[in-house]
């Protein structure tokens, strides 16, 4: 195997490692604020139901993974320079890690906090993850292209 060839397993490991550089504390704060605001709106508008936490939890998770995933692409310093370069050259693979994490956590959250069944919960988790994948992938692509052009 030549040096430029990377197995799918190694590629997945690199994607997770590249996203680990993201601003996850900030992402946690943004996710909590977003979820808290959504709960507040539900309470003010009297949209009370058994699953009142499902929507806000979904919003909070989406914001958490959005800020963490996009923030990893925007990070200018820190971490291994080879890892940053790999993430810039493979923006869509790097975007797959937060999208996969959102799909799993959001599916579980929807299943347990809402009245949705298993398939509806999976569908919600998948389409939210697809939106996140597109946004983080585009941000990562643009940032990577700018950094390569500036090099």
Protein backbone atom coordinates (compact mmCIF):
# COMPACT_ATOMS: atom_id res chain seq x y z
CA UNK A 1 0.00 0.00 0.00
CA UNK A 2 1.53 3.30 -1.04
CA UNK A 3 1.65 6.26 1.29
CA UNK A 4 -1.21 8.08 -0.49
CA UNK A 5 -3.61 5.14 -0.19
CA UNK A 6 -5.76 5.16 2.93
CA UNK A 7 -8.12 2.35 3.87
CA UNK A 8 -11.76 3.17 4.63
CA UNK A 9 -11.13 2.35 8.29
CA UNK A 10 -8.17 4.72 8.46
CA UNK A 11 -10.21 7.36 6.67
CA UNK A 12 -12.97 7.06 9.28
CA UNK A 13 -10.44 7.36 12.09
CA UNK A 14 -8.95 10.46 10.48
CA UNK A 15 -12.43 12.00 10.07
CA UNK A 16 -13.21 11.54 13.76
CA UNK A 17 -9.77 12.84 14.75
CA UNK A 18 -10.10 15.91 12.53
CA UNK A 19 -13.47 16.80 14.03
CA UNK A 20 -12.07 16.38 17.54
CA UNK A 21 -10.21 19.65 16.95
CA UNK A 22 -13.52 21.53 17.01
CA UNK A 23 -14.58 23.99 19.71
CA UNK A 24 -16.69 21.47 21.61
CA UNK A 25 -17.10 23.52 24.81
CA UNK A 26 -18.45 26.41 22.78
CA UNK A 27 -20.63 23.97 20.85
CA UNK A 28 -22.05 22.66 24.12
CA UNK A 29 -22.94 26.15 25.27
CA UNK A 30 -24.56 26.99 21.91
CA UNK A 31 -26.51 23.72 21.97
CA UNK A 32 -27.76 24.34 25.51
CA UNK A 33 -28.75 27.92 24.73
CA UNK A 34 -30.59 26.80 21.58
CA UNK A 35 -32.39 24.01 23.41
CA UNK A 36 -33.24 26.31 26.30
CA UNK A 37 -34.65 28.93 23.94
CA UNK A 38 -36.76 26.28 22.20
CA UNK A 39 -38.13 25.06 25.55
CA UNK A 40 -38.90 28.65 26.51
CA UNK A 41 -40.78 29.23 23.27
CA UNK A 42 -42.74 26.00 23.73
CA UNK A 43 -43.69 27.02 27.26
CA UNK A 44 -44.65 30.59 26.28
CA UNK A 45 -46.76 29.44 23.32
CA UNK A 46 -48.34 26.70 25.44
CA UNK A 47 -47.28 23.90 23.12
CA UNK A 48 -47.27 21.42 25.96
CA UNK A 49 -47.18 17.74 25.27
CA UNK A 50 -45.66 14.57 26.56
CA UNK A 51 -42.73 15.05 24.18
CA UNK A 52 -42.08 18.73 24.97
CA UNK A 53 -38.35 18.06 25.26
CA UNK A 54 -37.96 16.16 21.96
CA UNK A 55 -37.95 19.23 19.69
CA UNK A 56 -35.63 21.35 21.86
CA UNK A 57 -33.27 18.40 22.38
CA UNK A 58 -33.14 17.90 18.63
CA UNK A 59 -32.35 21.59 18.08
CA UNK A 60 -29.70 21.52 20.78
CA UNK A 61 -28.02 18.45 19.31
CA UNK A 62 -28.07 19.94 15.82
CA UNK A 63 -26.49 23.19 17.02
CA UNK A 64 -23.91 21.28 19.08
CA UNK A 65 -22.70 19.20 16.14
CA UNK A 66 -22.96 22.15 13.72
CA UNK A 67 -20.73 24.41 15.81
CA UNK A 68 -18.31 21.59 16.64
CA UNK A 69 -18.06 20.27 13.07
CA UNK A 70 -17.88 23.61 11.30
CA UNK A 71 -15.60 24.98 14.02
CA UNK A 72 -13.13 22.18 13.39
CA UNK A 73 -12.90 23.29 9.76
CA UNK A 74 -12.51 26.94 10.74
CA UNK A 75 -9.88 26.22 13.41
CA UNK A 76 -6.65 27.95 12.41
CA UNK A 77 -4.33 26.78 15.18
CA UNK A 78 -3.77 23.76 17.32
CA UNK A 79 -3.55 20.10 16.63
CA UNK A 80 -1.52 18.16 14.15
CA UNK A 81 -0.87 20.09 10.92
CA UNK A 82 -1.06 16.82 8.95
CA UNK A 83 -4.53 16.20 10.33
CA UNK A 84 -5.64 19.73 9.38
CA UNK A 85 -4.29 19.20 5.89
CA UNK A 86 -6.10 15.86 5.55
CA UNK A 87 -9.38 17.48 6.67
CA UNK A 88 -8.90 20.30 4.14
CA UNK A 89 -8.30 17.77 1.36
CA UNK A 90 -11.25 15.56 2.41
CA UNK A 91 -13.97 17.99 3.61
CA UNK A 92 -16.89 15.66 2.96
CA UNK A 93 -15.33 12.77 4.85
CA UNK A 94 -14.61 15.09 7.77
CA UNK A 95 -18.24 16.29 7.67
CA UNK A 96 -19.44 12.70 7.92
CA UNK A 97 -18.27 12.25 11.52
CA UNK A 98 -20.51 14.90 13.15
CA UNK A 99 -23.37 13.96 10.82
CA UNK A 100 -23.15 10.30 11.87
CA UNK A 101 -22.99 11.27 15.54
CA UNK A 102 -26.06 13.51 15.11
CA UNK A 103 -27.97 10.75 13.31
CA UNK A 104 -27.40 8.33 16.19
CA UNK A 105 -27.99 10.73 19.09
CA UNK A 106 -30.98 12.42 17.49
CA UNK A 107 -32.62 9.09 16.65
CA UNK A 108 -32.25 7.91 20.25
CA UNK A 109 -33.50 11.24 21.59
CA UNK A 110 -36.54 11.27 19.32
CA UNK A 111 -37.39 7.67 20.14
CA UNK A 112 -37.28 8.13 23.91
CA UNK A 113 -38.54 11.72 24.29
CA UNK A 114 -41.29 11.85 21.69
CA UNK A 115 -44.26 9.74 20.82
CA UNK A 116 -42.63 8.83 17.50
CA UNK A 117 -42.07 5.22 16.64
CA UNK A 118 -38.75 3.69 15.70
CA UNK A 119 -38.95 4.39 11.97
CA UNK A 120 -40.12 7.98 12.43
CA UNK A 121 -37.26 8.54 14.88
CA UNK A 122 -34.75 7.07 12.44
CA UNK A 123 -36.13 9.24 9.63
CA UNK A 124 -35.86 12.39 11.77
CA UNK A 125 -32.30 11.53 12.77
CA UNK A 126 -31.30 10.85 9.17
CA UNK A 127 -32.72 13.96 7.58
CA UNK A 128 -31.30 16.21 10.32
CA UNK A 129 -27.93 14.51 9.79
CA UNK A 130 -28.20 15.05 6.01
CA UNK A 131 -28.75 18.79 6.52
CA UNK A 132 -25.82 18.95 8.95
CA UNK A 133 -23.62 16.97 6.54
CA UNK A 134 -24.40 19.42 3.74
CA UNK A 135 -23.74 22.52 5.83
CA UNK A 136 -20.52 21.29 7.44
CA UNK A 137 -19.34 19.83 4.12
CA UNK A 138 -19.85 23.13 2.29
CA UNK A 139 -18.15 25.12 5.07
CA UNK A 140 -15.25 22.67 5.12
CA UNK A 141 -14.96 22.72 1.31
CA UNK A 142 -14.89 26.51 1.15
CA UNK A 143 -12.39 26.80 4.00
CA UNK A 144 -10.19 24.06 2.51
CA UNK A 145 -10.27 25.67 -0.94
CA UNK A 146 -9.32 29.06 0.50
CA UNK A 147 -6.47 27.60 2.53
CA UNK A 148 -5.14 25.63 -0.46
CA UNK A 149 -5.37 28.74 -2.68
CA UNK A 150 -3.58 30.81 -0.05
CA UNK A 151 -0.77 28.26 0.35
